[in-house]
All heavy atoms as atom14 arrays in JSON, in Angstrom:
{
  "sequence": "VLVVLLGIFPRLILDYSNETINFFIEQISKVQP",
  "atom14_mask": [
    [1, 1, 1, 1, 1, 1, 1, 0, 0, 0, 0, 0, 0, 0],
    [1, 1, 1, 1, 1, 1, 1, 1, 0, 0, 0, 0, 0, 0],
    [1, 1, 1, 1, 1, 1, 1, 0, 0, 0, 0, 0, 0, 0],
    [1, 1, 1, 1, 1, 1, 1, 0, 0, 0, 0, 0, 0, 0],
    [1, 1, 1, 1, 1, 1, 1, 1, 0, 0, 0, 0, 0, 0],
    [1, 1, 1, 1, 1, 1, 1, 1, 0, 0, 0, 0, 0, 0],
    [1, 1, 1, 1, 0, 0, 0, 0, 0, 0, 0, 0, 0, 0],
    [1, 1, 1, 1, 1, 1, 1, 1, 0, 0, 0, 0, 0, 0],
    [1, 1, 1, 1, 1, 1, 1, 1, 1, 1, 1, 0, 0, 0],
    [1, 1, 1, 1, 1, 1, 1, 0, 0, 0, 0, 0, 0, 0],
    [1, 1, 1, 1, 1, 1, 1, 1, 1, 1, 1, 0, 0, 0],
    [1, 1, 1, 1, 1, 1, 1, 1, 0, 0, 0, 0, 0, 0],
    [1, 1, 1, 1, 1, 1, 1, 1, 0, 0, 0, 0, 0, 0],
    [1, 1, 1, 1, 1, 1, 1, 1, 0, 0, 0, 0, 0, 0],
    [1, 1, 1, 1, 1, 1, 1, 1, 0, 0, 0, 0, 0, 0],
    [1, 1, 1, 1, 1, 1, 1, 1, 1, 1, 1, 1, 0, 0],
    [1, 1, 1, 1, 1, 1, 0, 0, 0, 0, 0, 0, 0, 0],
    [1, 1, 1, 1, 1, 1, 1, 1, 0, 0, 0, 0, 0, 0],
    [1, 1, 1, 1, 1, 1, 1, 1, 1, 0, 0, 0, 0, 0],
    [1, 1, 1, 1, 1, 1, 1, 0, 0, 0, 0, 0, 0, 0],
    [1, 1, 1, 1, 1, 1, 1, 1, 0, 0, 0, 0, 0, 0],
    [1, 1, 1, 1, 1, 1, 1, 1, 0, 0, 0, 0, 0, 0],
    [1, 1, 1, 1, 1, 1, 1, 1, 1, 1, 1, 0, 0, 0],
    [1, 1, 1, 1, 1, 1, 1, 1, 1, 1, 1, 0, 0, 0],
    [1, 1, 1, 1, 1, 1, 1, 1, 0, 0, 0, 0, 0, 0],
    [1, 1, 1, 1, 1, 1, 1, 1, 1, 0, 0, 0, 0, 0],
    [1, 1, 1, 1, 1, 1, 1, 1, 1, 0, 0, 0, 0, 0],
    [1, 1, 1, 1, 1, 1, 1, 1, 0, 0, 0, 0, 0, 0],
    [1, 1, 1, 1, 1, 1, 0, 0, 0, 0, 0, 0, 0, 0],
    [1, 1, 1, 1, 1, 1, 1, 1, 1, 0, 0, 0, 0, 0],
    [1, 1, 1, 1, 1, 1, 1, 0, 0, 0, 0, 0, 0, 0],
    [1, 1, 1, 1, 1, 1, 1, 1, 1, 0, 0, 0, 0, 0],
    [1, 1, 1, 1, 1, 1, 1, 0, 0, 0, 0, 0, 0, 0]
  ],
  "atom14_positions": [
    [[21.94, 2.75, -1.23], [20.99, 1.9, -1.97], [19.57, 2.42, -1.8], [18.81, 2.52, -2.78], [21.1, 0.44, -1.5], [19.97, -0.4, -2.09], [22.45, -0.14, -1.89], [0.0, 0.0, 0.0], [0.0, 0.0, 0.0], [0.0, 0.0, 0.0], [0.0, 0.0, 0.0], [0.0, 0.0, 0.0], [0.0, 0.0, 0.0], [0.0, 0.0, 0.0]],
    [[19.19, 2.77, -0.59], [17.82, 3.24, -0.33], [17.55, 4.59, -0.99], [16.47, 4.82, -1.53], [17.58, 3.32, 1.18], [17.44, 1.97, 1.89], [17.38, 2.16, 3.39], [16.21, 1.23, 1.41], [0.0, 0.0, 0.0], [0.0, 0.0, 0.0], [0.0, 0.0, 0.0], [0.0, 0.0, 0.0], [0.0, 0.0, 0.0], [0.0, 0.0, 0.0]],
    [[18.54, 5.49, -0.95], [18.36, 6.81, -1.56], [18.19, 6.67, -3.07], [17.34, 7.35, -3.67], [19.56, 7.72, -1.21], [19.6, 8.94, -2.11], [19.47, 8.15, 0.25], [0.0, 0.0, 0.0], [0.0, 0.0, 0.0], [0.0, 0.0, 0.0], [0.0, 0.0, 0.0], [0.0, 0.0, 0.0], [0.0, 0.0, 0.0], [0.0, 0.0, 0.0]],
    [[18.96, 5.8, -3.68], [18.82, 5.57, -5.13], [17.51, 4.84, -5.44], [16.78, 5.21, -6.38], [20.02, 4.77, -5.67], [19.81, 4.4, -7.13], [21.31, 5.57, -5.5], [0.0, 0.0, 0.0], [0.0, 0.0, 0.0], [0.0, 0.0, 0.0], [0.0, 0.0, 0.0], [0.0, 0.0, 0.0], [0.0, 0.0, 0.0], [0.0, 0.0, 0.0]],
    [[17.21, 3.84, -4.66], [16.01, 3.04, -4.89], [14.74, 3.89, -4.79], [13.85, 3.81, -5.64], [15.96, 1.89, -3.88], [15.09, 0.67, -4.23], [15.59, 0.02, -5.52], [15.12, -0.34, -3.08], [0.0, 0.0, 0.0], [0.0, 0.0, 0.0], [0.0, 0.0, 0.0], [0.0, 0.0, 0.0], [0.0, 0.0, 0.0], [0.0, 0.0, 0.0]],
    [[14.65, 4.73, -3.76], [13.47, 5.58, -3.6], [13.43, 6.68, -4.66], [12.35, 7.16, -5.01], [13.45, 6.2, -2.2], [13.23, 5.22, -1.04], [13.22, 5.96, 0.29], [11.92, 4.46, -1.21], [0.0, 0.0, 0.0], [0.0, 0.0, 0.0], [0.0, 0.0, 0.0], [0.0, 0.0, 0.0], [0.0, 0.0, 0.0], [0.0, 0.0, 0.0]],
    [[14.6, 7.08, -5.15], [14.62, 8.08, -6.22], [14.09, 7.54, -7.53], [13.47, 8.25, -8.32], [0.0, 0.0, 0.0], [0.0, 0.0, 0.0], [0.0, 0.0, 0.0], [0.0, 0.0, 0.0], [0.0, 0.0, 0.0], [0.0, 0.0, 0.0], [0.0, 0.0, 0.0], [0.0, 0.0, 0.0], [0.0, 0.0, 0.0], [0.0, 0.0, 0.0]],
    [[14.3, 6.24, -7.76], [13.85, 5.61, -9.01], [12.45, 5.01, -8.85], [11.64, 5.06, -9.78], [14.85, 4.52, -9.43], [16.23, 5.14, -9.68], [14.37, 3.79, -10.68], [17.32, 4.12, -9.95], [0.0, 0.0, 0.0], [0.0, 0.0, 0.0], [0.0, 0.0, 0.0], [0.0, 0.0, 0.0], [0.0, 0.0, 0.0], [0.0, 0.0, 0.0]],
    [[12.17, 4.47, -7.67], [10.87, 3.84, -7.42], [10.2, 4.49, -6.2], [10.08, 3.85, -5.14], [11.04, 2.34, -7.19], [11.7, 1.6, -8.31], [13.0, 1.14, -8.18], [11.03, 1.38, -9.5], [13.62, 0.45, -9.21], [11.63, 0.69, -10.55], [12.94, 0.24, -10.41], [0.0, 0.0, 0.0], [0.0, 0.0, 0.0], [0.0, 0.0, 0.0]],
    [[9.74, 5.72, -6.32], [9.11, 6.39, -5.17], [7.84, 5.71, -4.69], [7.42, 5.91, -3.55], [8.81, 7.79, -5.7], [8.79, 7.66, -7.19], [9.79, 6.6, -7.51], [0.0, 0.0, 0.0], [0.0, 0.0, 0.0], [0.0, 0.0, 0.0], [0.0, 0.0, 0.0], [0.0, 0.0, 0.0], [0.0, 0.0, 0.0], [0.0, 0.0, 0.0]],
    [[7.24, 4.87, -5.54], [6.02, 4.18, -5.13], [6.27, 3.22, -3.97], [5.31, 2.77, -3.31], [5.42, 3.41, -6.31], [6.27, 2.31, -6.89], [5.56, 1.6, -8.03], [4.33, 0.98, -7.58], [3.49, 0.32, -8.37], [3.74, 0.26, -9.67], [2.41, -0.24, -7.88], [0.0, 0.0, 0.0], [0.0, 0.0, 0.0], [0.0, 0.0, 0.0]],
    [[7.53, 2.9, -3.68], [7.83, 2.06, -2.53], [7.36, 2.7, -1.23], [7.08, 2.01, -0.26], [9.35, 1.79, -2.45], [9.94, 0.93, -3.57], [11.46, 0.89, -3.47], [9.35, -0.47, -3.53], [0.0, 0.0, 0.0], [0.0, 0.0, 0.0], [0.0, 0.0, 0.0], [0.0, 0.0, 0.0], [0.0, 0.0, 0.0], [0.0, 0.0, 0.0]],
    [[7.25, 4.02, -1.22], [6.68, 4.75, -0.08], [5.26, 5.18, -0.4], [4.34, 5.03, 0.42], [7.53, 5.98, 0.28], [8.94, 5.54, 0.72], [6.87, 6.8, 1.39], [8.97, 4.69, 1.96], [0.0, 0.0, 0.0], [0.0, 0.0, 0.0], [0.0, 0.0, 0.0], [0.0, 0.0, 0.0], [0.0, 0.0, 0.0], [0.0, 0.0, 0.0]],
    [[5.05, 5.72, -1.59], [3.77, 6.35, -1.93], [2.63, 5.34, -1.98], [1.48, 5.68, -1.68], [3.89, 7.08, -3.27], [4.92, 8.22, -3.3], [4.99, 8.83, -4.69], [4.58, 9.28, -2.26], [0.0, 0.0, 0.0], [0.0, 0.0, 0.0], [0.0, 0.0, 0.0], [0.0, 0.0, 0.0], [0.0, 0.0, 0.0], [0.0, 0.0, 0.0]],
    [[2.9, 4.1, -2.35], [1.84, 3.09, -2.38], [1.25, 2.83, -1.0], [0.08, 2.46, -0.87], [2.36, 1.77, -2.98], [2.42, 1.8, -4.5], [1.97, 2.81, -5.09], [2.94, 0.84, -5.1], [0.0, 0.0, 0.0], [0.0, 0.0, 0.0], [0.0, 0.0, 0.0], [0.0, 0.0, 0.0], [0.0, 0.0, 0.0], [0.0, 0.0, 0.0]],
    [[2.09, 3.01, 0.03], [1.6, 2.83, 1.39], [0.76, 4.03, 1.85], [-0.21, 3.88, 2.6], [2.77, 2.65, 2.36], [3.43, 1.31, 2.26], [4.53, 1.11, 1.45], [2.94, 0.22, 2.98], [5.14, -0.14, 1.35], [3.53, -1.03, 2.89], [4.63, -1.2, 2.07], [5.22, -2.44, 1.97], [0.0, 0.0, 0.0], [0.0, 0.0, 0.0]],
    [[1.11, 5.2, 1.41], [0.5, 6.42, 1.95], [-0.66, 6.96, 1.13], [-1.44, 7.78, 1.63], [1.57, 7.52, 2.08], [2.1, 7.86, 0.81], [0.0, 0.0, 0.0], [0.0, 0.0, 0.0], [0.0, 0.0, 0.0], [0.0, 0.0, 0.0], [0.0, 0.0, 0.0], [0.0, 0.0, 0.0], [0.0, 0.0, 0.0], [0.0, 0.0, 0.0]],
    [[-0.81, 6.54, -0.13], [-1.78, 7.17, -1.03], [-3.2, 7.18, -0.47], [-3.86, 8.23, -0.44], [-1.77, 6.48, -2.4], [-0.61, 6.93, -3.26], [-0.04, 8.0, -3.04], [-0.25, 6.13, -4.25], [0.0, 0.0, 0.0], [0.0, 0.0, 0.0], [0.0, 0.0, 0.0], [0.0, 0.0, 0.0], [0.0, 0.0, 0.0], [0.0, 0.0, 0.0]],
    [[-3.71, 6.01, -0.04], [-5.1, 5.94, 0.41], [-5.31, 6.76, 1.67], [-6.33, 7.45, 1.82], [-5.5, 4.48, 0.65], [-5.52, 3.62, -0.61], [-6.52, 4.11, -1.64], [-7.43, 4.88, -1.29], [-6.38, 3.73, -2.82], [0.0, 0.0, 0.0], [0.0, 0.0, 0.0], [0.0, 0.0, 0.0], [0.0, 0.0, 0.0], [0.0, 0.0, 0.0]],
    [[-4.35, 6.72, 2.59], [-4.48, 7.49, 3.83], [-4.48, 8.99, 3.54], [-5.29, 9.74, 4.08], [-3.33, 7.15, 4.8], [-3.3, 5.75, 5.03], [-3.52, 7.87, 6.12], [0.0, 0.0, 0.0], [0.0, 0.0, 0.0], [0.0, 0.0, 0.0], [0.0, 0.0, 0.0], [0.0, 0.0, 0.0], [0.0, 0.0, 0.0], [0.0, 0.0, 0.0]],
    [[-3.58, 9.42, 2.68], [-3.48, 10.85, 2.39], [-4.69, 11.33, 1.58], [-5.21, 12.44, 1.82], [-2.15, 11.16, 1.68], [-1.01, 11.08, 2.69], [-2.19, 12.54, 1.0], [0.36, 11.28, 2.13], [0.0, 0.0, 0.0], [0.0, 0.0, 0.0], [0.0, 0.0, 0.0], [0.0, 0.0, 0.0], [0.0, 0.0, 0.0], [0.0, 0.0, 0.0]],
    [[-5.19, 10.52, 0.67], [-6.4, 10.9, -0.06], [-7.58, 11.07, 0.89], [-8.37, 12.02, 0.76], [-6.74, 9.84, -1.12], [-5.79, 9.89, -2.3], [-5.18, 10.92, -2.59], [-5.65, 8.77, -3.0], [0.0, 0.0, 0.0], [0.0, 0.0, 0.0], [0.0, 0.0, 0.0], [0.0, 0.0, 0.0], [0.0, 0.0, 0.0], [0.0, 0.0, 0.0]],
    [[-7.69, 10.17, 1.87], [-8.74, 10.31, 2.88], [-8.53, 11.56, 3.72], [-9.48, 12.29, 4.04], [-8.77, 9.07, 3.77], [-9.69, 9.2, 4.95], [-11.07, 9.18, 4.77], [-9.19, 9.34, 6.23], [-11.93, 9.31, 5.86], [-10.03, 9.47, 7.32], [-11.41, 9.45, 7.14], [0.0, 0.0, 0.0], [0.0, 0.0, 0.0], [0.0, 0.0, 0.0]],
    [[-7.26, 11.83, 4.06], [-6.91, 13.04, 4.83], [-7.39, 14.29, 4.09], [-8.04, 15.17, 4.68], [-5.4, 13.08, 5.03], [-4.94, 13.82, 6.25], [-3.85, 13.37, 6.98], [-5.56, 14.99, 6.67], [-3.4, 14.04, 8.1], [-5.12, 15.67, 7.8], [-4.04, 15.19, 8.52], [0.0, 0.0, 0.0], [0.0, 0.0, 0.0], [0.0, 0.0, 0.0]],
    [[-7.1, 14.38, 2.82], [-7.5, 15.55, 2.03], [-9.02, 15.65, 1.93], [-9.59, 16.74, 1.96], [-6.85, 15.49, 0.63], [-5.33, 15.53, 0.75], [-7.34, 16.66, -0.23], [-4.77, 16.74, 1.45], [0.0, 0.0, 0.0], [0.0, 0.0, 0.0], [0.0, 0.0, 0.0], [0.0, 0.0, 0.0], [0.0, 0.0, 0.0], [0.0, 0.0, 0.0]],
    [[-9.7, 14.5, 1.83], [-11.16, 14.51, 1.82], [-11.72, 15.11, 3.11], [-12.69, 15.88, 3.09], [-11.7, 13.09, 1.65], [-11.54, 12.52, 0.25], [-12.02, 11.08, 0.18], [-12.73, 10.65, 1.14], [-11.69, 10.38, -0.79], [0.0, 0.0, 0.0], [0.0, 0.0, 0.0], [0.0, 0.0, 0.0], [0.0, 0.0, 0.0], [0.0, 0.0, 0.0]],
    [[-11.11, 14.76, 4.24], [-11.56, 15.29, 5.52], [-11.36, 16.8, 5.59], [-12.2, 17.53, 6.12], [-10.82, 14.61, 6.67], [-11.06, 13.11, 6.79], [-12.53, 12.79, 6.93], [-13.2, 12.37, 5.99], [-13.06, 13.01, 8.11], [0.0, 0.0, 0.0], [0.0, 0.0, 0.0], [0.0, 0.0, 0.0], [0.0, 0.0, 0.0], [0.0, 0.0, 0.0]],
    [[-10.25, 17.28, 5.05], [-9.98, 18.72, 5.05], [-10.97, 19.43, 4.13], [-11.46, 20.52, 4.46], [-8.52, 18.99, 4.61], [-7.55, 18.48, 5.68], [-8.3, 20.48, 4.36], [-6.1, 18.58, 5.28], [0.0, 0.0, 0.0], [0.0, 0.0, 0.0], [0.0, 0.0, 0.0], [0.0, 0.0, 0.0], [0.0, 0.0, 0.0], [0.0, 0.0, 0.0]],
    [[-11.28, 18.83, 3.0], [-12.2, 19.47, 2.04], [-13.6, 19.65, 2.63], [-14.34, 20.54, 2.21], [-12.27, 18.66, 0.75], [-12.88, 17.39, 0.98], [0.0, 0.0, 0.0], [0.0, 0.0, 0.0], [0.0, 0.0, 0.0], [0.0, 0.0, 0.0], [0.0, 0.0, 0.0], [0.0, 0.0, 0.0], [0.0, 0.0, 0.0], [0.0, 0.0, 0.0]],
    [[-13.95, 18.82, 3.61], [-15.28, 18.92, 4.22], [-15.45, 20.19, 5.05], [-16.59, 20.62, 5.28], [-15.55, 17.69, 5.1], [-15.71, 16.4, 4.32], [-15.94, 15.23, 5.26], [-16.09, 13.92, 4.47], [-16.29, 12.76, 5.37], [0.0, 0.0, 0.0], [0.0, 0.0, 0.0], [0.0, 0.0, 0.0], [0.0, 0.0, 0.0], [0.0, 0.0, 0.0]],
    [[-14.34, 20.76, 5.51], [-14.45, 21.98, 6.33], [-14.21, 23.24, 5.51], [-14.27, 24.35, 6.03], [-13.47, 21.95, 7.52], [-13.74, 20.73, 8.39], [-12.02, 21.94, 7.04], [0.0, 0.0, 0.0], [0.0, 0.0, 0.0], [0.0, 0.0, 0.0], [0.0, 0.0, 0.0], [0.0, 0.0, 0.0], [0.0, 0.0, 0.0], [0.0, 0.0, 0.0]],
    [[-13.89, 23.07, 4.21], [-13.69, 24.24, 3.35], [-15.03, 24.92, 3.1], [-16.03, 24.25, 2.84], [-13.06, 23.83, 2.02], [-11.58, 23.52, 2.11], [-10.97, 23.21, 0.77], [-11.53, 22.43, 0.01], [-9.84, 23.82, 0.48], [0.0, 0.0, 0.0], [0.0, 0.0, 0.0], [0.0, 0.0, 0.0], [0.0, 0.0, 0.0], [0.0, 0.0, 0.0]],
    [[-15.08, 26.27, 3.17], [-16.32, 26.99, 2.93], [-16.76, 26.88, 1.47], [-15.96, 26.69, 0.58], [-15.96, 28.43, 3.28], [-14.47, 28.52, 3.15], [-13.95, 27.16, 3.51], [0.0, 0.0, 0.0], [0.0, 0.0, 0.0], [0.0, 0.0, 0.0], [0.0, 0.0, 0.0], [0.0, 0.0, 0.0], [0.0, 0.0, 0.0], [0.0, 0.0, 0.0]]
  ]
}
């Protein structure tokens, strides 16, 4: 059920991680030359 559910509705995970990962990438971009 979970494998099918996440395959159809990946936002069940991505909605939790989006803001954190966007901030993570912002932090990395600050050290780019």
